[in-house]
Amino acid sequence: MVDLELLRELVAFQEYGTLSAAAEHLMITQPTVTRKMKKLEQELGVTLFDRQFSNHIA
């Protein structure tokens, strides 16, 4: 089962547009959000982000 905290952070990223803004809203660091989004991708078995472009959702 997917950790609901990871989904909450994904929703924050969608709402705020960047990992940095989502992290600020969630009161955590941007590297923490990045690590958690990588974990979410692994858990779901899908790519959520296009890493060729900074902070863009796939």
N, C-alpha and C. Protein backbone atom coordinates (compact mmCIF):
# COMPACT_ATOMS: atom_id res chain seq x y z
N MET A 1 0.84 -1.18 0.00
CA MET A 1 0.00 0.00 0.00
C MET A 1 0.89 1.25 0.00
N VAL A 2 0.49 2.24 -0.77
CA VAL A 2 1.25 3.47 -0.89
C VAL A 2 1.06 4.33 0.37
N ASP A 3 2.15 4.89 0.85
CA ASP A 3 2.13 5.78 2.01
C ASP A 3 1.35 7.05 1.65
N LEU A 4 0.33 7.36 2.42
CA LEU A 4 -0.50 8.54 2.14
C LEU A 4 0.29 9.84 2.22
N GLU A 5 1.34 9.88 3.02
CA GLU A 5 2.20 11.07 3.11
C GLU A 5 2.85 11.35 1.75
N LEU A 6 3.26 10.30 1.05
CA LEU A 6 3.86 10.47 -0.26
C LEU A 6 2.85 11.06 -1.24
N LEU A 7 1.62 10.59 -1.17
CA LEU A 7 0.58 11.13 -2.05
C LEU A 7 0.27 12.59 -1.71
N ARG A 8 0.28 12.92 -0.43
CA ARG A 8 0.04 14.30 -0.01
C ARG A 8 1.11 15.22 -0.59
N GLU A 9 2.34 14.75 -0.60
CA GLU A 9 3.43 15.56 -1.15
C GLU A 9 3.32 15.69 -2.66
N LEU A 10 2.88 14.64 -3.32
CA LEU A 10 2.66 14.71 -4.77
C LEU A 10 1.57 15.73 -5.09
N VAL A 11 0.51 15.73 -4.33
CA VAL A 11 -0.57 16.70 -4.52
C VAL A 11 -0.06 18.12 -4.28
N ALA A 12 0.76 18.30 -3.26
CA ALA A 12 1.33 19.63 -2.99
C ALA A 12 2.19 20.09 -4.16
N PHE A 13 2.96 19.18 -4.73
CA PHE A 13 3.78 19.53 -5.90
C PHE A 13 2.89 19.98 -7.04
N GLN A 14 1.81 19.24 -7.29
CA GLN A 14 0.89 19.61 -8.36
C GLN A 14 0.27 20.99 -8.10
N GLU A 15 -0.11 21.24 -6.86
CA GLU A 15 -0.75 22.51 -6.52
C GLU A 15 0.20 23.70 -6.59
N TYR A 16 1.44 23.51 -6.12
CA TYR A 16 2.37 24.63 -6.01
C TYR A 16 3.33 24.76 -7.19
N GLY A 17 3.40 23.73 -8.03
CA GLY A 17 4.13 23.85 -9.29
C GLY A 17 5.60 23.50 -9.28
N THR A 18 6.26 23.58 -8.13
CA THR A 18 7.66 23.19 -8.05
C THR A 18 7.89 22.39 -6.77
N LEU A 19 8.95 21.61 -6.78
CA LEU A 19 9.30 20.85 -5.58
C LEU A 19 9.68 21.79 -4.44
N SER A 20 10.35 22.88 -4.77
CA SER A 20 10.74 23.85 -3.75
C SER A 20 9.53 24.49 -3.08
N ALA A 21 8.56 24.90 -3.88
CA ALA A 21 7.36 25.52 -3.33
C ALA A 21 6.54 24.52 -2.52
N ALA A 22 6.46 23.30 -3.00
CA ALA A 22 5.74 22.25 -2.26
C ALA A 22 6.43 22.00 -0.92
N ALA A 23 7.75 21.92 -0.95
CA ALA A 23 8.51 21.70 0.29
C ALA A 23 8.28 22.83 1.28
N GLU A 24 8.29 24.05 0.79
CA GLU A 24 8.06 25.19 1.66
C GLU A 24 6.67 25.11 2.30
N HIS A 25 5.67 24.80 1.49
CA HIS A 25 4.31 24.67 2.00
C HIS A 25 4.21 23.56 3.06
N LEU A 26 4.90 22.45 2.80
CA LEU A 26 4.85 21.30 3.70
C LEU A 26 5.80 21.45 4.89
N MET A 27 6.61 22.51 4.85
CA MET A 27 7.59 22.80 5.91
C MET A 27 8.63 21.67 6.06
N ILE A 28 9.11 21.21 4.90
CA ILE A 28 10.21 20.25 4.84
C ILE A 28 11.19 20.73 3.79
N THR A 29 12.33 20.10 3.67
CA THR A 29 13.32 20.55 2.69
C THR A 29 13.02 19.99 1.31
N GLN A 30 13.49 20.70 0.30
CA GLN A 30 13.30 20.25 -1.07
C GLN A 30 13.97 18.90 -1.32
N PRO A 31 15.20 18.65 -0.82
CA PRO A 31 15.79 17.33 -1.03
C PRO A 31 14.95 16.19 -0.41
N THR A 32 14.27 16.48 0.69
CA THR A 32 13.39 15.47 1.29
C THR A 32 12.23 15.15 0.36
N VAL A 33 11.64 16.17 -0.23
CA VAL A 33 10.54 15.95 -1.18
C VAL A 33 11.05 15.15 -2.38
N THR A 34 12.22 15.49 -2.88
CA THR A 34 12.79 14.78 -4.01
C THR A 34 12.97 13.29 -3.69
N ARG A 35 13.55 13.00 -2.53
CA ARG A 35 13.73 11.59 -2.13
C ARG A 35 12.41 10.86 -2.01
N LYS A 36 11.43 11.53 -1.44
CA LYS A 36 10.13 10.89 -1.27
C LYS A 36 9.42 10.67 -2.60
N MET A 37 9.59 11.58 -3.55
CA MET A 37 8.99 11.39 -4.86
C MET A 37 9.66 10.22 -5.60
N LYS A 38 10.96 10.05 -5.43
CA LYS A 38 11.64 8.89 -6.01
C LYS A 38 11.11 7.61 -5.38
N LYS A 39 10.88 7.64 -4.07
CA LYS A 39 10.33 6.48 -3.37
C LYS A 39 8.93 6.16 -3.90
N LEU A 40 8.11 7.19 -4.10
CA LEU A 40 6.76 6.99 -4.63
C LEU A 40 6.82 6.36 -6.02
N GLU A 41 7.71 6.85 -6.86
CA GLU A 41 7.87 6.27 -8.19
C GLU A 41 8.22 4.78 -8.10
N GLN A 42 9.12 4.44 -7.18
CA GLN A 42 9.50 3.04 -7.01
C GLN A 42 8.32 2.21 -6.54
N GLU A 43 7.56 2.72 -5.58
CA GLU A 43 6.42 1.99 -5.06
C GLU A 43 5.35 1.77 -6.12
N LEU A 44 5.12 2.77 -6.96
CA LEU A 44 4.10 2.68 -8.00
C LEU A 44 4.61 1.98 -9.25
N GLY A 45 5.92 1.94 -9.43
CA GLY A 45 6.50 1.33 -10.62
C GLY A 45 6.31 2.15 -11.87
N VAL A 46 6.23 3.47 -11.71
CA VAL A 46 6.04 4.39 -12.84
C VAL A 46 6.96 5.60 -12.69
N THR A 47 7.20 6.28 -13.79
CA THR A 47 7.95 7.54 -13.76
C THR A 47 6.95 8.67 -13.66
N LEU A 48 7.07 9.47 -12.62
CA LEU A 48 6.16 10.60 -12.42
C LEU A 48 6.75 11.92 -12.91
N PHE A 49 8.08 11.97 -13.01
CA PHE A 49 8.74 13.22 -13.34
C PHE A 49 9.65 13.06 -14.54
N ASP A 50 9.66 14.06 -15.41
CA ASP A 50 10.59 14.13 -16.52
C ASP A 50 11.84 14.82 -16.01
N ARG A 51 12.88 14.06 -15.76
CA ARG A 51 14.08 14.61 -15.15
C ARG A 51 14.99 15.35 -16.14
N GLN A 52 14.60 15.40 -17.41
CA GLN A 52 15.36 16.20 -18.37
C GLN A 52 15.11 17.67 -18.12
N PHE A 53 13.96 18.00 -17.53
CA PHE A 53 13.60 19.36 -17.24
C PHE A 53 13.37 19.47 -15.75
N SER A 54 13.93 20.47 -15.14
CA SER A 54 13.84 20.64 -13.69
C SER A 54 12.40 20.88 -13.24
N ASN A 55 11.96 20.08 -12.25
CA ASN A 55 10.67 20.28 -11.58
C ASN A 55 9.45 20.19 -12.48
N HIS A 56 9.45 19.34 -13.49
CA HIS A 56 8.27 19.17 -14.32
C HIS A 56 7.69 17.78 -14.10
N ILE A 57 6.39 17.73 -13.92
CA ILE A 57 5.69 16.45 -13.75
C ILE A 57 5.55 15.79 -15.12
N ALA A 58 5.69 14.49 -15.16
CA ALA A 58 5.62 13.76 -16.43
C ALA A 58 4.19 13.61 -16.90
